[in-house]
């Protein structure tokens, strides 16, 4: 990605301006010459976004917006002795 600034700009346009997810942006870009020069997988793209390597793309631009997928637990109250 460091040498292919055209691919980086194309991804920024698709994700930020066109409001697409990183997955759909990669699907659209796969047929371009920029992608064929520097292929990138979805996990790598998400890693780059999480590390902050893009100037205009952040976690806030992704569909889940950086939310964790942890399960919500409820506190269990104490037993009352009768």
C-alpha atoms as a PDB file:
ATOM      1  CA  UNK A   1       0.000   0.000   0.000  1.00  0.00           C
ATOM      2  CA  UNK A   2       2.907   2.341   0.587  1.00  0.00           C
ATOM      3  CA  UNK A   3       3.800   2.419  -3.104  1.00  0.00           C
ATOM      4  CA  UNK A   4       0.275   2.283  -4.529  1.00  0.00           C
ATOM      5  CA  UNK A   5      -1.332   5.586  -3.571  1.00  0.00           C
ATOM      6  CA  UNK A   6      -3.931   5.266  -6.332  1.00  0.00           C
ATOM      7  CA  UNK A   7      -5.369   2.147  -4.698  1.00  0.00           C
ATOM      8  CA  UNK A   8      -5.406   3.902  -1.342  1.00  0.00           C
ATOM      9  CA  UNK A   9      -7.289   6.882  -2.794  1.00  0.00           C
ATOM     10  CA  UNK A  10      -9.736   4.596  -4.597  1.00  0.00           C
ATOM     11  CA  UNK A  11     -10.483   2.762  -1.341  1.00  0.00           C
ATOM     12  CA  UNK A  12     -10.975   6.055   0.475  1.00  0.00           C
ATOM     13  CA  UNK A  13     -13.457   7.245  -2.147  1.00  0.00           C
ATOM     14  CA  UNK A  14     -15.457   4.006  -2.001  1.00  0.00           C
ATOM     15  CA  UNK A  15     -15.516   3.723   1.799  1.00  0.00           C
ATOM     16  CA  UNK A  16     -15.837   7.344   2.901  1.00  0.00           C
ATOM     17  CA  UNK A  17     -17.510   9.172   0.022  1.00  0.00           C
ATOM     18  CA  UNK A  18     -19.745   6.364  -1.277  1.00  0.00           C
ATOM     19  CA  UNK A  19     -20.361   4.991   2.246  1.00  0.00           C
ATOM     20  CA  UNK A  20     -19.497   1.388   1.431  1.00  0.00           C
ATOM     21  CA  UNK A  21     -18.145  -1.279   3.742  1.00  0.00           C
ATOM     22  CA  UNK A  22     -14.527  -2.370   3.236  1.00  0.00           C
ATOM     23  CA  UNK A  23     -15.787  -5.694   1.856  1.00  0.00           C
ATOM     24  CA  UNK A  24     -17.983  -4.118  -0.811  1.00  0.00           C
ATOM     25  CA  UNK A  25     -15.265  -1.574  -1.660  1.00  0.00           C
ATOM     26  CA  UNK A  26     -12.804  -4.417  -2.309  1.00  0.00           C
ATOM     27  CA  UNK A  27     -15.368  -6.227  -4.478  1.00  0.00           C
ATOM     28  CA  UNK A  28     -15.830  -3.133  -6.629  1.00  0.00           C
ATOM     29  CA  UNK A  29     -12.099  -2.430  -6.915  1.00  0.00           C
ATOM     30  CA  UNK A  30     -10.997  -6.013  -7.718  1.00  0.00           C
ATOM     31  CA  UNK A  31     -11.169  -5.527 -11.484  1.00  0.00           C
ATOM     32  CA  UNK A  32      -9.078  -2.354 -11.594  1.00  0.00           C
ATOM     33  CA  UNK A  33      -5.420  -2.233 -12.595  1.00  0.00           C
ATOM     34  CA  UNK A  34      -4.519  -0.643  -9.240  1.00  0.00           C
ATOM     35  CA  UNK A  35      -5.780  -3.688  -7.337  1.00  0.00           C
ATOM     36  CA  UNK A  36      -4.020  -6.112  -9.678  1.00  0.00           C
ATOM     37  CA  UNK A  37      -0.762  -4.241  -9.078  1.00  0.00           C
ATOM     38  CA  UNK A  38      -1.105  -4.529  -5.283  1.00  0.00           C
ATOM     39  CA  UNK A  39      -3.715  -7.118  -4.241  1.00  0.00           C
ATOM     40  CA  UNK A  40      -4.965  -6.799  -0.686  1.00  0.00           C
ATOM     41  CA  UNK A  41      -7.229  -9.116   1.308  1.00  0.00           C
ATOM     42  CA  UNK A  42     -10.125  -8.047   3.491  1.00  0.00           C
ATOM     43  CA  UNK A  43      -8.413  -8.878   6.801  1.00  0.00           C
ATOM     44  CA  UNK A  44      -5.351  -6.851   5.809  1.00  0.00           C
ATOM     45  CA  UNK A  45      -7.575  -3.909   4.887  1.00  0.00           C
ATOM     46  CA  UNK A  46      -9.277  -4.033   8.291  1.00  0.00           C
ATOM     47  CA  UNK A  47      -5.861  -4.285   9.997  1.00  0.00           C
ATOM     48  CA  UNK A  48      -4.654  -1.202   8.109  1.00  0.00           C
ATOM     49  CA  UNK A  49      -7.791   0.691   9.128  1.00  0.00           C
ATOM     50  CA  UNK A  50      -7.388  -0.353  12.782  1.00  0.00           C
ATOM     51  CA  UNK A  51      -3.716   0.703  12.790  1.00  0.00           C
ATOM     52  CA  UNK A  52      -4.643   4.111  11.342  1.00  0.00           C
ATOM     53  CA  UNK A  53      -2.549   3.796   8.179  1.00  0.00           C
ATOM     54  CA  UNK A  54      -5.179   5.525   6.021  1.00  0.00           C
ATOM     55  CA  UNK A  55      -5.442   9.284   6.279  1.00  0.00           C
ATOM     56  CA  UNK A  56      -9.193   9.563   5.702  1.00  0.00           C
ATOM     57  CA  UNK A  57     -10.518   6.149   6.781  1.00  0.00           C
ATOM     58  CA  UNK A  58     -11.146   5.285  10.414  1.00  0.00           C
ATOM     59  CA  UNK A  59     -13.157   2.702  12.323  1.00  0.00           C
ATOM     60  CA  UNK A  60     -16.068   5.128  12.302  1.00  0.00           C
ATOM     61  CA  UNK A  61     -16.372   4.646   8.540  1.00  0.00           C
ATOM     62  CA  UNK A  62     -16.858   0.867   8.887  1.00  0.00           C
ATOM     63  CA  UNK A  63     -20.349  -0.593   9.316  1.00  0.00           C
ATOM     64  CA  UNK A  64     -19.767  -1.833  12.886  1.00  0.00           C
ATOM     65  CA  UNK A  65     -17.974   1.391  13.848  1.00  0.00           C
ATOM     66  CA  UNK A  66     -15.453  -0.321  16.109  1.00  0.00           C
ATOM     67  CA  UNK A  67     -17.999  -1.962  18.395  1.00  0.00           C
ATOM     68  CA  UNK A  68     -16.964  -5.142  20.114  1.00  0.00           C
ATOM     69  CA  UNK A  69     -18.873  -8.351  19.640  1.00  0.00           C
ATOM     70  CA  UNK A  70     -18.781  -9.356  23.283  1.00  0.00           C
ATOM     71  CA  UNK A  71     -21.834 -10.873  24.834  1.00  0.00           C
ATOM     72  CA  UNK A  72     -23.791  -8.757  27.290  1.00  0.00           C
ATOM     73  CA  UNK A  73     -23.996 -10.348  30.733  1.00  0.00           C
ATOM     74  CA  UNK A  74     -26.529  -9.514  33.407  1.00  0.00           C
ATOM     75  CA  UNK A  75     -25.581  -9.399  37.050  1.00  0.00           C
ATOM     76  CA  UNK A  76     -27.218 -12.052  39.130  1.00  0.00           C
ATOM     77  CA  UNK A  77     -28.624 -10.849  42.427  1.00  0.00           C
ATOM     78  CA  UNK A  78     -27.891 -12.481  45.754  1.00  0.00           C
ATOM     79  CA  UNK A  79     -30.093 -15.301  46.999  1.00  0.00           C
ATOM     80  CA  UNK A  80     -32.499 -14.391  49.718  1.00  0.00           C
ATOM     81  CA  UNK A  81     -32.637 -16.988  52.490  1.00  0.00           C
ATOM     82  CA  UNK A  82     -36.054 -17.897  53.732  1.00  0.00           C
END
